[in-house]
Amino acid sequence: ETLFTLLEYGDQLTFIPLEQDTIEIHGDVADIPLQDNLIFRAADALR
């Protein structure tokens, strides 16, 4: 049991449409492999 509250501060994500059906992740992604990146996995889950 936990009480979540959301803050007015966080990461920033910019989504740029591409003509080709691909998912690209750029920016502060450290050395996380693409397939393990939660942003990529979320996008891929909506395909």
All heavy atoms as atom14 arrays in JSON, in Angstrom:
{
  "sequence": "ETLFTLLEYGDQLTFIPLEQDTIEIHGDVADIPLQDNLIFRAADALR",
  "atom14_mask": [
    [1, 1, 1, 1, 1, 1, 1, 1, 1, 0, 0, 0, 0, 0],
    [1, 1, 1, 1, 1, 1, 1, 0, 0, 0, 0, 0, 0, 0],
    [1, 1, 1, 1, 1, 1, 1, 1, 0, 0, 0, 0, 0, 0],
    [1, 1, 1, 1, 1, 1, 1, 1, 1, 1, 1, 0, 0, 0],
    [1, 1, 1, 1, 1, 1, 1, 0, 0, 0, 0, 0, 0, 0],
    [1, 1, 1, 1, 1, 1, 1, 1, 0, 0, 0, 0, 0, 0],
    [1, 1, 1, 1, 1, 1, 1, 1, 0, 0, 0, 0, 0, 0],
    [1, 1, 1, 1, 1, 1, 1, 1, 1, 0, 0, 0, 0, 0],
    [1, 1, 1, 1, 1, 1, 1, 1, 1, 1, 1, 1, 0, 0],
    [1, 1, 1, 1, 0, 0, 0, 0, 0, 0, 0, 0, 0, 0],
    [1, 1, 1, 1, 1, 1, 1, 1, 0, 0, 0, 0, 0, 0],
    [1, 1, 1, 1, 1, 1, 1, 1, 1, 0, 0, 0, 0, 0],
    [1, 1, 1, 1, 1, 1, 1, 1, 0, 0, 0, 0, 0, 0],
    [1, 1, 1, 1, 1, 1, 1, 0, 0, 0, 0, 0, 0, 0],
    [1, 1, 1, 1, 1, 1, 1, 1, 1, 1, 1, 0, 0, 0],
    [1, 1, 1, 1, 1, 1, 1, 1, 0, 0, 0, 0, 0, 0],
    [1, 1, 1, 1, 1, 1, 1, 0, 0, 0, 0, 0, 0, 0],
    [1, 1, 1, 1, 1, 1, 1, 1, 0, 0, 0, 0, 0, 0],
    [1, 1, 1, 1, 1, 1, 1, 1, 1, 0, 0, 0, 0, 0],
    [1, 1, 1, 1, 1, 1, 1, 1, 1, 0, 0, 0, 0, 0],
    [1, 1, 1, 1, 1, 1, 1, 1, 0, 0, 0, 0, 0, 0],
    [1, 1, 1, 1, 1, 1, 1, 0, 0, 0, 0, 0, 0, 0],
    [1, 1, 1, 1, 1, 1, 1, 1, 0, 0, 0, 0, 0, 0],
    [1, 1, 1, 1, 1, 1, 1, 1, 1, 0, 0, 0, 0, 0],
    [1, 1, 1, 1, 1, 1, 1, 1, 0, 0, 0, 0, 0, 0],
    [1, 1, 1, 1, 1, 1, 1, 1, 1, 1, 0, 0, 0, 0],
    [1, 1, 1, 1, 0, 0, 0, 0, 0, 0, 0, 0, 0, 0],
    [1, 1, 1, 1, 1, 1, 1, 1, 0, 0, 0, 0, 0, 0],
    [1, 1, 1, 1, 1, 1, 1, 0, 0, 0, 0, 0, 0, 0],
    [1, 1, 1, 1, 1, 0, 0, 0, 0, 0, 0, 0, 0, 0],
    [1, 1, 1, 1, 1, 1, 1, 1, 0, 0, 0, 0, 0, 0],
    [1, 1, 1, 1, 1, 1, 1, 1, 0, 0, 0, 0, 0, 0],
    [1, 1, 1, 1, 1, 1, 1, 0, 0, 0, 0, 0, 0, 0],
    [1, 1, 1, 1, 1, 1, 1, 1, 0, 0, 0, 0, 0, 0],
    [1, 1, 1, 1, 1, 1, 1, 1, 1, 0, 0, 0, 0, 0],
    [1, 1, 1, 1, 1, 1, 1, 1, 0, 0, 0, 0, 0, 0],
    [1, 1, 1, 1, 1, 1, 1, 1, 0, 0, 0, 0, 0, 0],
    [1, 1, 1, 1, 1, 1, 1, 1, 0, 0, 0, 0, 0, 0],
    [1, 1, 1, 1, 1, 1, 1, 1, 0, 0, 0, 0, 0, 0],
    [1, 1, 1, 1, 1, 1, 1, 1, 1, 1, 1, 0, 0, 0],
    [1, 1, 1, 1, 1, 1, 1, 1, 1, 1, 1, 0, 0, 0],
    [1, 1, 1, 1, 1, 0, 0, 0, 0, 0, 0, 0, 0, 0],
    [1, 1, 1, 1, 1, 0, 0, 0, 0, 0, 0, 0, 0, 0],
    [1, 1, 1, 1, 1, 1, 1, 1, 0, 0, 0, 0, 0, 0],
    [1, 1, 1, 1, 1, 0, 0, 0, 0, 0, 0, 0, 0, 0],
    [1, 1, 1, 1, 1, 1, 1, 1, 0, 0, 0, 0, 0, 0],
    [1, 1, 1, 1, 1, 1, 1, 1, 1, 1, 1, 0, 0, 0]
  ],
  "atom14_positions": [
    [[0.86, -1.17, 0.0], [0.0, 0.0, 0.0], [0.9, 1.23, 0.0], [1.85, 1.31, 0.79], [-0.92, 0.01, 1.23], [-1.96, -1.09, 1.19], [-2.8, -1.16, 2.46], [-2.22, -1.08, 3.56], [-4.03, -1.31, 2.35], [0.0, 0.0, 0.0], [0.0, 0.0, 0.0], [0.0, 0.0, 0.0], [0.0, 0.0, 0.0], [0.0, 0.0, 0.0]],
    [[0.63, 2.15, -0.9], [1.47, 3.33, -1.0], [0.64, 4.5, -1.51], [-0.34, 4.3, -2.24], [2.68, 3.08, -1.92], [3.56, 4.21, -1.88], [2.26, 2.83, -3.36], [0.0, 0.0, 0.0], [0.0, 0.0, 0.0], [0.0, 0.0, 0.0], [0.0, 0.0, 0.0], [0.0, 0.0, 0.0], [0.0, 0.0, 0.0], [0.0, 0.0, 0.0]],
    [[1.03, 5.7, -1.12], [0.36, 6.9, -1.61], [1.31, 7.63, -2.55], [2.37, 8.11, -2.15], [-0.03, 7.8, -0.44], [-0.78, 9.09, -0.81], [-2.08, 8.77, -1.54], [-1.07, 9.92, 0.43], [0.0, 0.0, 0.0], [0.0, 0.0, 0.0], [0.0, 0.0, 0.0], [0.0, 0.0, 0.0], [0.0, 0.0, 0.0], [0.0, 0.0, 0.0]],
    [[0.92, 7.66, -3.83], [1.7, 8.36, -4.85], [1.21, 9.8, -4.97], [0.0, 10.04, -5.04], [1.5, 7.72, -6.23], [2.15, 6.38, -6.43], [1.37, 5.23, -6.51], [3.52, 6.27, -6.59], [1.95, 3.99, -6.74], [4.12, 5.04, -6.81], [3.33, 3.9, -6.89], [0.0, 0.0, 0.0], [0.0, 0.0, 0.0], [0.0, 0.0, 0.0]],
    [[2.14, 10.74, -5.05], [1.79, 12.08, -5.49], [2.79, 12.49, -6.57], [3.96, 12.11, -6.52], [1.77, 13.1, -4.33], [1.14, 14.31, -4.76], [3.16, 13.41, -3.81], [0.0, 0.0, 0.0], [0.0, 0.0, 0.0], [0.0, 0.0, 0.0], [0.0, 0.0, 0.0], [0.0, 0.0, 0.0], [0.0, 0.0, 0.0], [0.0, 0.0, 0.0]],
    [[2.3, 13.2, -7.59], [3.13, 13.58, -8.73], [3.6, 15.02, -8.57], [2.87, 15.87, -8.08], [2.35, 13.41, -10.03], [1.76, 12.02, -10.29], [1.12, 11.97, -11.67], [2.82, 10.94, -10.16], [0.0, 0.0, 0.0], [0.0, 0.0, 0.0], [0.0, 0.0, 0.0], [0.0, 0.0, 0.0], [0.0, 0.0, 0.0], [0.0, 0.0, 0.0]],
    [[4.82, 15.27, -9.02], [5.44, 16.58, -8.87], [5.39, 17.37, -10.18], [5.12, 16.81, -11.24], [6.88, 16.43, -8.39], [7.08, 15.69, -7.07], [8.55, 15.66, -6.69], [6.25, 16.31, -5.95], [0.0, 0.0, 0.0], [0.0, 0.0, 0.0], [0.0, 0.0, 0.0], [0.0, 0.0, 0.0], [0.0, 0.0, 0.0], [0.0, 0.0, 0.0]],
    [[5.7, 18.65, -10.09], [5.71, 19.54, -11.26], [7.09, 19.59, -11.91], [7.41, 20.56, -12.6], [5.29, 20.95, -10.84], [3.87, 21.05, -10.35], [2.86, 21.13, -11.5], [2.59, 20.07, -12.12], [2.37, 22.23, -11.78], [0.0, 0.0, 0.0], [0.0, 0.0, 0.0], [0.0, 0.0, 0.0], [0.0, 0.0, 0.0], [0.0, 0.0, 0.0]],
    [[7.89, 18.58, -11.69], [9.28, 18.54, -12.16], [9.55, 17.15, -12.69], [9.07, 16.16, -12.14], [10.21, 18.85, -10.97], [11.68, 18.82, -11.29], [12.33, 19.95, -11.77], [12.43, 17.67, -11.08], [13.7, 19.94, -12.04], [13.8, 17.64, -11.35], [14.43, 18.77, -11.82], [15.77, 18.76, -12.09], [0.0, 0.0, 0.0], [0.0, 0.0, 0.0]],
    [[10.33, 17.06, -13.77], [10.61, 15.74, -14.29], [11.51, 15.76, -15.52], [12.1, 16.78, -15.88], [0.0, 0.0, 0.0], [0.0, 0.0, 0.0], [0.0, 0.0, 0.0], [0.0, 0.0, 0.0], [0.0, 0.0, 0.0], [0.0, 0.0, 0.0], [0.0, 0.0, 0.0], [0.0, 0.0, 0.0], [0.0, 0.0, 0.0], [0.0, 0.0, 0.0]],
    [[11.61, 14.6, -16.16], [12.33, 14.48, -17.42], [11.53, 15.16, -18.53], [10.33, 15.41, -18.38], [12.52, 13.0, -17.79], [13.42, 12.26, -16.82], [14.19, 12.91, -16.09], [13.34, 11.01, -16.78], [0.0, 0.0, 0.0], [0.0, 0.0, 0.0], [0.0, 0.0, 0.0], [0.0, 0.0, 0.0], [0.0, 0.0, 0.0], [0.0, 0.0, 0.0]],
    [[12.2, 15.44, -19.64], [11.51, 16.03, -20.78], [11.67, 15.11, -21.99], [12.78, 14.67, -22.3], [12.08, 17.41, -21.1], [11.29, 18.15, -22.17], [11.81, 19.56, -22.4], [12.82, 19.75, -23.07], [11.14, 20.55, -21.84], [0.0, 0.0, 0.0], [0.0, 0.0, 0.0], [0.0, 0.0, 0.0], [0.0, 0.0, 0.0], [0.0, 0.0, 0.0]],
    [[10.55, 14.81, -22.64], [10.56, 13.96, -23.84], [9.96, 14.73, -25.01], [8.88, 15.31, -24.88], [9.76, 12.68, -23.62], [10.39, 11.65, -22.67], [9.84, 11.84, -21.27], [10.1, 10.24, -23.14], [0.0, 0.0, 0.0], [0.0, 0.0, 0.0], [0.0, 0.0, 0.0], [0.0, 0.0, 0.0], [0.0, 0.0, 0.0], [0.0, 0.0, 0.0]],
    [[10.68, 14.73, -26.11], [10.19, 15.36, -27.34], [9.95, 14.26, -28.37], [10.82, 13.43, -28.63], [11.21, 16.39, -27.87], [11.36, 17.42, -26.89], [10.73, 16.99, -29.18], [0.0, 0.0, 0.0], [0.0, 0.0, 0.0], [0.0, 0.0, 0.0], [0.0, 0.0, 0.0], [0.0, 0.0, 0.0], [0.0, 0.0, 0.0], [0.0, 0.0, 0.0]],
    [[8.75, 14.27, -28.95], [8.31, 13.26, -29.91], [8.23, 13.91, -31.3], [7.43, 14.83, -31.52], [6.96, 12.69, -29.5], [6.97, 12.07, -28.13], [6.75, 12.84, -27.0], [7.21, 10.71, -27.97], [6.77, 12.28, -25.73], [7.23, 10.14, -26.7], [7.02, 10.92, -25.58], [0.0, 0.0, 0.0], [0.0, 0.0, 0.0], [0.0, 0.0, 0.0]],
    [[9.06, 13.42, -32.21], [9.16, 13.98, -33.55], [8.67, 12.93, -34.55], [9.29, 11.87, -34.69], [10.61, 14.38, -33.87], [11.15, 15.33, -32.8], [10.72, 14.99, -35.26], [12.66, 15.46, -32.78], [0.0, 0.0, 0.0], [0.0, 0.0, 0.0], [0.0, 0.0, 0.0], [0.0, 0.0, 0.0], [0.0, 0.0, 0.0], [0.0, 0.0, 0.0]],
    [[7.55, 13.17, -35.24], [7.05, 12.19, -36.2], [8.05, 11.95, -37.33], [8.72, 12.88, -37.8], [5.77, 12.85, -36.73], [5.37, 13.81, -35.67], [6.65, 14.32, -35.08], [0.0, 0.0, 0.0], [0.0, 0.0, 0.0], [0.0, 0.0, 0.0], [0.0, 0.0, 0.0], [0.0, 0.0, 0.0], [0.0, 0.0, 0.0], [0.0, 0.0, 0.0]],
    [[8.16, 10.68, -37.75], [9.02, 10.29, -38.86], [8.17, 9.66, -39.95], [7.18, 8.97, -39.67], [10.07, 9.27, -38.4], [11.07, 9.71, -37.33], [11.96, 8.52, -36.95], [11.93, 10.87, -37.83], [0.0, 0.0, 0.0], [0.0, 0.0, 0.0], [0.0, 0.0, 0.0], [0.0, 0.0, 0.0], [0.0, 0.0, 0.0], [0.0, 0.0, 0.0]],
    [[8.56, 9.87, -41.19], [7.81, 9.28, -42.31], [7.91, 7.76, -42.3], [6.93, 7.06, -42.57], [8.32, 9.84, -43.64], [7.92, 11.29, -43.89], [8.31, 11.75, -45.28], [8.74, 10.88, -46.09], [8.18, 12.95, -45.55], [0.0, 0.0, 0.0], [0.0, 0.0, 0.0], [0.0, 0.0, 0.0], [0.0, 0.0, 0.0], [0.0, 0.0, 0.0]],
    [[9.09, 7.23, -41.99], [9.27, 5.78, -41.98], [8.82, 5.2, -40.64], [8.88, 5.85, -39.61], [10.74, 5.41, -42.26], [11.73, 5.87, -41.19], [12.26, 7.27, -41.42], [11.58, 8.09, -42.02], [13.46, 7.54, -40.92], [0.0, 0.0, 0.0], [0.0, 0.0, 0.0], [0.0, 0.0, 0.0], [0.0, 0.0, 0.0], [0.0, 0.0, 0.0]],
    [[8.35, 3.97, -40.67], [7.79, 3.32, -39.47], [8.93, 2.76, -38.61], [9.14, 1.54, -38.53], [6.83, 2.21, -39.89], [6.16, 1.55, -38.68], [6.23, 2.13, -37.58], [5.59, 0.46, -38.83], [0.0, 0.0, 0.0], [0.0, 0.0, 0.0], [0.0, 0.0, 0.0], [0.0, 0.0, 0.0], [0.0, 0.0, 0.0], [0.0, 0.0, 0.0]],
    [[9.65, 3.66, -37.95], [10.74, 3.25, -37.06], [10.6, 3.98, -35.72], [9.9, 5.0, -35.63], [12.12, 3.58, -37.66], [12.19, 4.99, -37.92], [12.36, 2.81, -38.94], [0.0, 0.0, 0.0], [0.0, 0.0, 0.0], [0.0, 0.0, 0.0], [0.0, 0.0, 0.0], [0.0, 0.0, 0.0], [0.0, 0.0, 0.0], [0.0, 0.0, 0.0]],
    [[11.27, 3.45, -34.71], [11.3, 4.07, -33.39], [12.76, 4.37, -33.06], [13.58, 3.46, -32.98], [10.71, 3.15, -32.3], [9.24, 2.81, -32.61], [10.83, 3.8, -30.92], [8.68, 1.69, -31.74], [0.0, 0.0, 0.0], [0.0, 0.0, 0.0], [0.0, 0.0, 0.0], [0.0, 0.0, 0.0], [0.0, 0.0, 0.0], [0.0, 0.0, 0.0]],
    [[13.07, 5.64, -32.93], [14.44, 6.06, -32.58], [14.43, 6.72, -31.21], [13.53, 7.51, -30.91], [14.98, 7.06, -33.61], [15.07, 6.52, -35.03], [15.57, 7.59, -36.0], [16.0, 8.66, -35.53], [15.5, 7.35, -37.22], [0.0, 0.0, 0.0], [0.0, 0.0, 0.0], [0.0, 0.0, 0.0], [0.0, 0.0, 0.0], [0.0, 0.0, 0.0]],
    [[15.42, 6.4, -30.39], [15.56, 7.01, -29.07], [16.9, 7.74, -29.02], [17.95, 7.13, -29.28], [15.5, 5.97, -27.93], [14.33, 4.99, -28.13], [15.4, 6.68, -26.58], [12.97, 5.57, -28.0], [0.0, 0.0, 0.0], [0.0, 0.0, 0.0], [0.0, 0.0, 0.0], [0.0, 0.0, 0.0], [0.0, 0.0, 0.0], [0.0, 0.0, 0.0]],
    [[16.88, 9.02, -28.68], [18.09, 9.83, -28.62], [18.15, 10.57, -27.28], [17.19, 10.59, -26.51], [18.1, 10.85, -29.78], [18.13, 10.24, -31.13], [19.3, 9.94, -31.79], [17.12, 9.85, -31.96], [19.01, 9.4, -32.97], [17.69, 9.34, -33.09], [0.0, 0.0, 0.0], [0.0, 0.0, 0.0], [0.0, 0.0, 0.0], [0.0, 0.0, 0.0]],
    [[19.3, 11.17, -27.02], [19.44, 11.98, -25.81], [20.12, 11.25, -24.68], [21.05, 10.47, -24.9], [0.0, 0.0, 0.0], [0.0, 0.0, 0.0], [0.0, 0.0, 0.0], [0.0, 0.0, 0.0], [0.0, 0.0, 0.0], [0.0, 0.0, 0.0], [0.0, 0.0, 0.0], [0.0, 0.0, 0.0], [0.0, 0.0, 0.0], [0.0, 0.0, 0.0]],
    [[19.64, 11.47, -23.47], [20.29, 10.94, -22.26], [19.85, 9.5, -22.0], [19.09, 9.22, -21.05], [19.94, 11.83, -21.06], [20.38, 13.27, -21.27], [21.41, 13.48, -21.94], [19.7, 14.18, -20.74], [0.0, 0.0, 0.0], [0.0, 0.0, 0.0], [0.0, 0.0, 0.0], [0.0, 0.0, 0.0], [0.0, 0.0, 0.0], [0.0, 0.0, 0.0]],
    [[20.33, 8.6, -22.83], [19.89, 7.19, -22.74], [20.95, 6.3, -22.1], [20.78, 5.08, -22.03], [19.52, 6.65, -24.13], [18.29, 7.36, -24.66], [20.68, 6.78, -25.11], [0.0, 0.0, 0.0], [0.0, 0.0, 0.0], [0.0, 0.0, 0.0], [0.0, 0.0, 0.0], [0.0, 0.0, 0.0], [0.0, 0.0, 0.0], [0.0, 0.0, 0.0]],
    [[22.03, 6.92, -21.59], [23.12, 6.16, -20.94], [23.58, 5.05, -21.87], [23.63, 5.2, -23.08], [22.66, 5.64, -19.58], [0.0, 0.0, 0.0], [0.0, 0.0, 0.0], [0.0, 0.0, 0.0], [0.0, 0.0, 0.0], [0.0, 0.0, 0.0], [0.0, 0.0, 0.0], [0.0, 0.0, 0.0], [0.0, 0.0, 0.0], [0.0, 0.0, 0.0]],
    [[23.88, 3.88, -21.31], [24.35, 2.77, -22.14], [23.34, 1.62, -22.12], [23.69, 0.46, -22.29], [25.72, 2.28, -21.65], [25.72, 1.91, -20.18], [24.68, 2.12, -19.51], [26.75, 1.42, -19.67], [0.0, 0.0, 0.0], [0.0, 0.0, 0.0], [0.0, 0.0, 0.0], [0.0, 0.0, 0.0], [0.0, 0.0, 0.0], [0.0, 0.0, 0.0]],
    [[22.06, 1.97, -21.93], [21.01, 0.95, -21.88], [20.73, 0.45, -23.3], [20.47, 1.26, -24.2], [19.72, 1.52, -21.26], [19.99, 2.01, -19.84], [18.6, 0.49, -21.27], [18.84, 2.78, -19.24], [0.0, 0.0, 0.0], [0.0, 0.0, 0.0], [0.0, 0.0, 0.0], [0.0, 0.0, 0.0], [0.0, 0.0, 0.0], [0.0, 0.0, 0.0]],
    [[20.79, -0.87, -23.53], [20.46, -1.39, -24.86], [19.04, -0.99, -25.26], [18.14, -0.92, -24.41], [20.58, -2.91, -24.68], [21.46, -3.1, -23.48], [21.19, -1.93, -22.59], [0.0, 0.0, 0.0], [0.0, 0.0, 0.0], [0.0, 0.0, 0.0], [0.0, 0.0, 0.0], [0.0, 0.0, 0.0], [0.0, 0.0, 0.0], [0.0, 0.0, 0.0]],
    [[18.84, -0.74, -26.55], [17.55, -0.25, -27.03], [16.39, -1.14, -26.61], [15.35, -0.65, -26.15], [17.58, -0.13, -28.56], [16.33, 0.51, -29.2], [16.17, 1.95, -28.75], [16.4, 0.4, -30.72], [0.0, 0.0, 0.0], [0.0, 0.0, 0.0], [0.0, 0.0, 0.0], [0.0, 0.0, 0.0], [0.0, 0.0, 0.0], [0.0, 0.0, 0.0]],
    [[16.56, -2.44, -26.72], [15.47, -3.35, -26.4], [15.12, -3.34, -24.91], [14.02, -3.79, -24.53], [15.82, -4.79, -26.84], [16.09, -4.94, -28.33], [14.87, -4.62, -29.19], [13.74, -4.88, -28.81], [15.11, -4.03, -30.35], [0.0, 0.0, 0.0], [0.0, 0.0, 0.0], [0.0, 0.0, 0.0], [0.0, 0.0, 0.0], [0.0, 0.0, 0.0]],
    [[16.02, -2.86, -24.06], [15.76, -2.79, -22.62], [15.3, -1.4, -22.19], [14.91, -1.21, -21.03], [17.04, -3.14, -21.83], [17.48, -4.57, -22.06], [16.61, -5.41, -22.37], [18.69, -4.86, -21.94], [0.0, 0.0, 0.0], [0.0, 0.0, 0.0], [0.0, 0.0, 0.0], [0.0, 0.0, 0.0], [0.0, 0.0, 0.0], [0.0, 0.0, 0.0]],
    [[15.34, -0.45, -23.11], [14.94, 0.92, -22.79], [13.42, 0.98, -22.62], [12.66, 0.61, -23.51], [15.41, 1.85, -23.92], [15.16, 3.31, -23.61], [14.03, 3.72, -23.39], [16.23, 4.09, -23.61], [0.0, 0.0, 0.0], [0.0, 0.0, 0.0], [0.0, 0.0, 0.0], [0.0, 0.0, 0.0], [0.0, 0.0, 0.0], [0.0, 0.0, 0.0]],
    [[12.96, 1.48, -21.46], [11.51, 1.5, -21.19], [10.75, 2.4, -22.16], [9.59, 2.13, -22.47], [11.26, 1.96, -19.75], [11.26, 0.87, -18.67], [11.08, 1.5, -17.29], [10.15, -0.15, -18.93], [0.0, 0.0, 0.0], [0.0, 0.0, 0.0], [0.0, 0.0, 0.0], [0.0, 0.0, 0.0], [0.0, 0.0, 0.0], [0.0, 0.0, 0.0]],
    [[11.4, 3.44, -22.64], [10.74, 4.32, -23.61], [10.5, 3.55, -24.91], [9.4, 3.59, -25.48], [11.6, 5.57, -23.87], [11.71, 6.4, -22.59], [11.03, 6.41, -25.01], [12.71, 7.54, -22.69], [0.0, 0.0, 0.0], [0.0, 0.0, 0.0], [0.0, 0.0, 0.0], [0.0, 0.0, 0.0], [0.0, 0.0, 0.0], [0.0, 0.0, 0.0]],
    [[11.52, 2.84, -25.38], [11.37, 2.03, -26.59], [10.31, 0.94, -26.39], [9.46, 0.72, -27.26], [12.7, 1.38, -26.98], [12.57, 0.45, -28.15], [12.61, 0.94, -29.45], [12.4, -0.92, -27.96], [12.47, 0.09, -30.54], [12.26, -1.77, -29.04], [12.29, -1.27, -30.34], [0.0, 0.0, 0.0], [0.0, 0.0, 0.0], [0.0, 0.0, 0.0]],
    [[10.36, 0.28, -25.23], [9.41, -0.81, -24.98], [7.97, -0.29, -24.95], [7.04, -0.96, -25.42], [9.75, -1.53, -23.68], [11.04, -2.35, -23.76], [11.41, -2.93, -22.4], [10.33, -3.73, -21.85], [10.21, -4.01, -20.56], [11.09, -3.55, -19.68], [9.19, -4.74, -20.14], [0.0, 0.0, 0.0], [0.0, 0.0, 0.0], [0.0, 0.0, 0.0]],
    [[7.78, 0.91, -24.39], [6.44, 1.51, -24.38], [5.97, 1.82, -25.79], [4.82, 1.52, -26.16], [6.45, 2.77, -23.52], [0.0, 0.0, 0.0], [0.0, 0.0, 0.0], [0.0, 0.0, 0.0], [0.0, 0.0, 0.0], [0.0, 0.0, 0.0], [0.0, 0.0, 0.0], [0.0, 0.0, 0.0], [0.0, 0.0, 0.0], [0.0, 0.0, 0.0]],
    [[6.85, 2.42, -26.58], [6.49, 2.74, -27.97], [6.19, 1.47, -28.75], [5.2, 1.39, -29.5], [7.62, 3.53, -28.62], [0.0, 0.0, 0.0], [0.0, 0.0, 0.0], [0.0, 0.0, 0.0], [0.0, 0.0, 0.0], [0.0, 0.0, 0.0], [0.0, 0.0, 0.0], [0.0, 0.0, 0.0], [0.0, 0.0, 0.0], [0.0, 0.0, 0.0]],
    [[7.02, 0.46, -28.58], [6.86, -0.8, -29.31], [5.55, -1.49, -28.92], [4.9, -2.12, -29.76], [8.06, -1.71, -29.02], [8.17, -2.86, -30.0], [8.05, -2.61, -31.22], [8.34, -4.0, -29.56], [0.0, 0.0, 0.0], [0.0, 0.0, 0.0], [0.0, 0.0, 0.0], [0.0, 0.0, 0.0], [0.0, 0.0, 0.0], [0.0, 0.0, 0.0]],
    [[5.14, -1.35, -27.64], [3.91, -1.97, -27.18], [2.67, -1.36, -27.83], [1.61, -2.0, -27.91], [3.8, -1.85, -25.66], [0.0, 0.0, 0.0], [0.0, 0.0, 0.0], [0.0, 0.0, 0.0], [0.0, 0.0, 0.0], [0.0, 0.0, 0.0], [0.0, 0.0, 0.0], [0.0, 0.0, 0.0], [0.0, 0.0, 0.0], [0.0, 0.0, 0.0]],
    [[2.78, -0.12, -28.32], [1.65, 0.55, -28.97], [1.58, 0.27, -30.47], [0.57, 0.59, -31.11], [1.72, 2.06, -28.74], [1.24, 2.59, -27.39], [1.17, 4.1, -27.41], [-0.12, 2.01, -27.0], [0.0, 0.0, 0.0], [0.0, 0.0, 0.0], [0.0, 0.0, 0.0], [0.0, 0.0, 0.0], [0.0, 0.0, 0.0], [0.0, 0.0, 0.0]],
    [[2.62, -0.3, -31.02], [2.65, -0.52, -32.48], [1.43, -1.28, -33.02], [0.9, -0.91, -34.07], [3.93, -1.26, -32.86], [5.05, -0.33, -33.29], [6.25, -1.1, -33.73], [7.14, -0.28, -34.55], [8.45, -0.51, -34.66], [8.99, -1.52, -34.03], [9.19, 0.26, -35.42], [0.0, 0.0, 0.0], [0.0, 0.0, 0.0], [0.0, 0.0, 0.0]]
  ]
}
